[in-house]
C-alpha atoms as a PDB file:
ATOM      1  CA  UNK A   1      84.939 126.789  86.859  1.00  0.00           C
ATOM      2  CA  UNK A   2      83.775 124.073  84.428  1.00  0.00           C
ATOM      3  CA  UNK A   3      80.332 122.718  85.133  1.00  0.00           C
ATOM      4  CA  UNK A   4      80.238 119.086  83.729  1.00  0.00           C
ATOM      5  CA  UNK A   5      76.983 117.038  83.517  1.00  0.00           C
ATOM      6  CA  UNK A   6      76.490 113.406  82.751  1.00  0.00           C
ATOM      7  CA  UNK A   7      72.849 113.073  81.815  1.00  0.00           C
ATOM      8  CA  UNK A   8      71.455 109.569  82.107  1.00  0.00           C
ATOM      9  CA  UNK A   9      68.016 108.078  82.089  1.00  0.00           C
ATOM     10  CA  UNK A  10      67.807 108.090  85.945  1.00  0.00           C
ATOM     11  CA  UNK A  11      70.322 110.754  87.123  1.00  0.00           C
ATOM     12  CA  UNK A  12      72.142 113.882  86.274  1.00  0.00           C
ATOM     13  CA  UNK A  13      75.675 113.698  87.746  1.00  0.00           C
ATOM     14  CA  UNK A  14      77.215 116.916  88.078  1.00  0.00           C
ATOM     15  CA  UNK A  15      80.931 117.697  88.576  1.00  0.00           C
ATOM     16  CA  UNK A  16      82.568 121.115  88.961  1.00  0.00           C
ATOM     17  CA  UNK A  17      86.194 121.360  87.864  1.00  0.00           C
ATOM     18  CA  UNK A  18      88.788 123.996  88.609  1.00  0.00           C
ATOM     19  CA  UNK A  19      91.506 123.170  86.049  1.00  0.00           C
ATOM     20  CA  UNK A  20      91.915 119.384  86.313  1.00  0.00           C
ATOM     21  CA  UNK A  21      90.768 119.262  89.865  1.00  0.00           C
ATOM     22  CA  UNK A  22      87.290 118.123  90.877  1.00  0.00           C
ATOM     23  CA  UNK A  23      85.991 120.605  93.507  1.00  0.00           C
ATOM     24  CA  UNK A  24      82.379 119.661  93.823  1.00  0.00           C
ATOM     25  CA  UNK A  25      80.001 116.874  92.751  1.00  0.00           C
ATOM     26  CA  UNK A  26      76.366 116.176  93.301  1.00  0.00           C
ATOM     27  CA  UNK A  27      73.406 114.350  91.641  1.00  0.00           C
ATOM     28  CA  UNK A  28      69.827 115.390  90.486  1.00  0.00           C
ATOM     29  CA  UNK A  29      66.911 113.262  89.306  1.00  0.00           C
ATOM     30  CA  UNK A  30      66.679 113.439  85.530  1.00  0.00           C
ATOM     31  CA  UNK A  31      62.970 114.061  85.843  1.00  0.00           C
ATOM     32  CA  UNK A  32      64.206 117.764  86.787  1.00  0.00           C
ATOM     33  CA  UNK A  33      64.986 118.117  83.083  1.00  0.00           C
ATOM     34  CA  UNK A  34      61.257 118.371  82.118  1.00  0.00           C
ATOM     35  CA  UNK A  35      61.625 122.132  82.188  1.00  0.00           C
ATOM     36  CA  UNK A  36      64.552 124.465  82.332  1.00  0.00           C
ATOM     37  CA  UNK A  37      63.148 126.355  85.284  1.00  0.00           C
ATOM     38  CA  UNK A  38      63.322 123.572  87.878  1.00  0.00           C
ATOM     39  CA  UNK A  39      66.630 122.179  86.593  1.00  0.00           C
ATOM     40  CA  UNK A  40      68.091 125.652  86.474  1.00  0.00           C
ATOM     41  CA  UNK A  41      67.039 126.480  90.000  1.00  0.00           C
ATOM     42  CA  UNK A  42      68.417 123.221  91.353  1.00  0.00           C
ATOM     43  CA  UNK A  43      71.662 123.628  89.583  1.00  0.00           C
ATOM     44  CA  UNK A  44      72.100 127.189  90.699  1.00  0.00           C
ATOM     45  CA  UNK A  45      71.233 126.398  94.378  1.00  0.00           C
ATOM     46  CA  UNK A  46      73.686 123.682  94.593  1.00  0.00           C
ATOM     47  CA  UNK A  47      76.362 125.924  92.940  1.00  0.00           C
ATOM     48  CA  UNK A  48      75.680 128.731  95.471  1.00  0.00           C
ATOM     49  CA  UNK A  49      75.910 126.200  98.342  1.00  0.00           C
ATOM     50  CA  UNK A  50      79.379 125.282  97.220  1.00  0.00           C
ATOM     51  CA  UNK A  51      80.519 128.701  96.234  1.00  0.00           C
ATOM     52  CA  UNK A  52      80.888 127.788  92.542  1.00  0.00           C
ATOM     53  CA  UNK A  53      81.149 130.361  89.916  1.00  0.00           C
ATOM     54  CA  UNK A  54      80.502 128.743  86.538  1.00  0.00           C
ATOM     55  CA  UNK A  55      82.353 130.112  83.537  1.00  0.00           C
ATOM     56  CA  UNK A  56      81.820 127.083  81.159  1.00  0.00           C
ATOM     57  CA  UNK A  57      79.821 123.960  80.761  1.00  0.00           C
ATOM     58  CA  UNK A  58      79.919 120.667  78.927  1.00  0.00           C
ATOM     59  CA  UNK A  59      77.493 117.780  79.161  1.00  0.00           C
ATOM     60  CA  UNK A  60      77.115 114.299  77.758  1.00  0.00           C
ATOM     61  CA  UNK A  61      73.594 113.013  77.431  1.00  0.00           C
ATOM     62  CA  UNK A  62      71.717 109.843  76.456  1.00  0.00           C
ATOM     63  CA  UNK A  63      68.390 111.688  76.908  1.00  0.00           C
ATOM     64  CA  UNK A  64      67.687 113.617  73.719  1.00  0.00           C
ATOM     65  CA  UNK A  65      64.683 115.355  74.885  1.00  0.00           C
ATOM     66  CA  UNK A  66      66.528 116.787  77.849  1.00  0.00           C
ATOM     67  CA  UNK A  67      69.344 118.353  75.801  1.00  0.00           C
ATOM     68  CA  UNK A  68      67.574 121.682  74.810  1.00  0.00           C
ATOM     69  CA  UNK A  69      66.241 122.072  78.421  1.00  0.00           C
ATOM     70  CA  UNK A  70      69.692 121.643  79.852  1.00  0.00           C
ATOM     71  CA  UNK A  71      71.087 124.171  77.315  1.00  0.00           C
ATOM     72  CA  UNK A  72      68.404 126.714  78.304  1.00  0.00           C
ATOM     73  CA  UNK A  73      68.836 126.167  82.051  1.00  0.00           C
ATOM     74  CA  UNK A  74      72.585 126.640  81.947  1.00  0.00           C
ATOM     75  CA  UNK A  75      72.268 129.696  79.604  1.00  0.00           C
ATOM     76  CA  UNK A  76      69.589 131.323  81.763  1.00  0.00           C
ATOM     77  CA  UNK A  77      71.082 130.513  85.204  1.00  0.00           C
ATOM     78  CA  UNK A  78      74.891 130.847  84.530  1.00  0.00           C
ATOM     79  CA  UNK A  79      74.990 132.993  81.404  1.00  0.00           C
ATOM     80  CA  UNK A  80      77.192 130.531  79.583  1.00  0.00           C
ATOM     81  CA  UNK A  81      76.683 128.368  76.394  1.00  0.00           C
ATOM     82  CA  UNK A  82      77.165 124.630  76.541  1.00  0.00           C
ATOM     83  CA  UNK A  83      79.256 122.159  74.659  1.00  0.00           C
ATOM     84  CA  UNK A  84      77.238 118.838  74.297  1.00  0.00           C
ATOM     85  CA  UNK A  85      78.368 115.329  73.554  1.00  0.00           C
ATOM     86  CA  UNK A  86      75.292 113.260  72.513  1.00  0.00           C
ATOM     87  CA  UNK A  87      74.577 110.183  70.384  1.00  0.00           C
ATOM     88  CA  UNK A  88      73.986 112.485  67.548  1.00  0.00           C
ATOM     89  CA  UNK A  89      77.311 114.407  67.992  1.00  0.00           C
END
């Protein structure tokens, strides 16, 4: 399943897609992205609650300092690399 994150200044909106179908969604406070540990644990906990198996990830972000933290959190918790869409992309 595809894990898709929209990283804004206030919230990280998360959607999980199976093909083109949205199968789960939730939000986290962007302040979780101050370290990959807290963010990774929160994402993994929500994925487990929803029986989600992540095999790919993409994120869009307007918070440059969060980008490497998100990449590390996804890689460490789900074992997948991320594709990023940022103002620098």
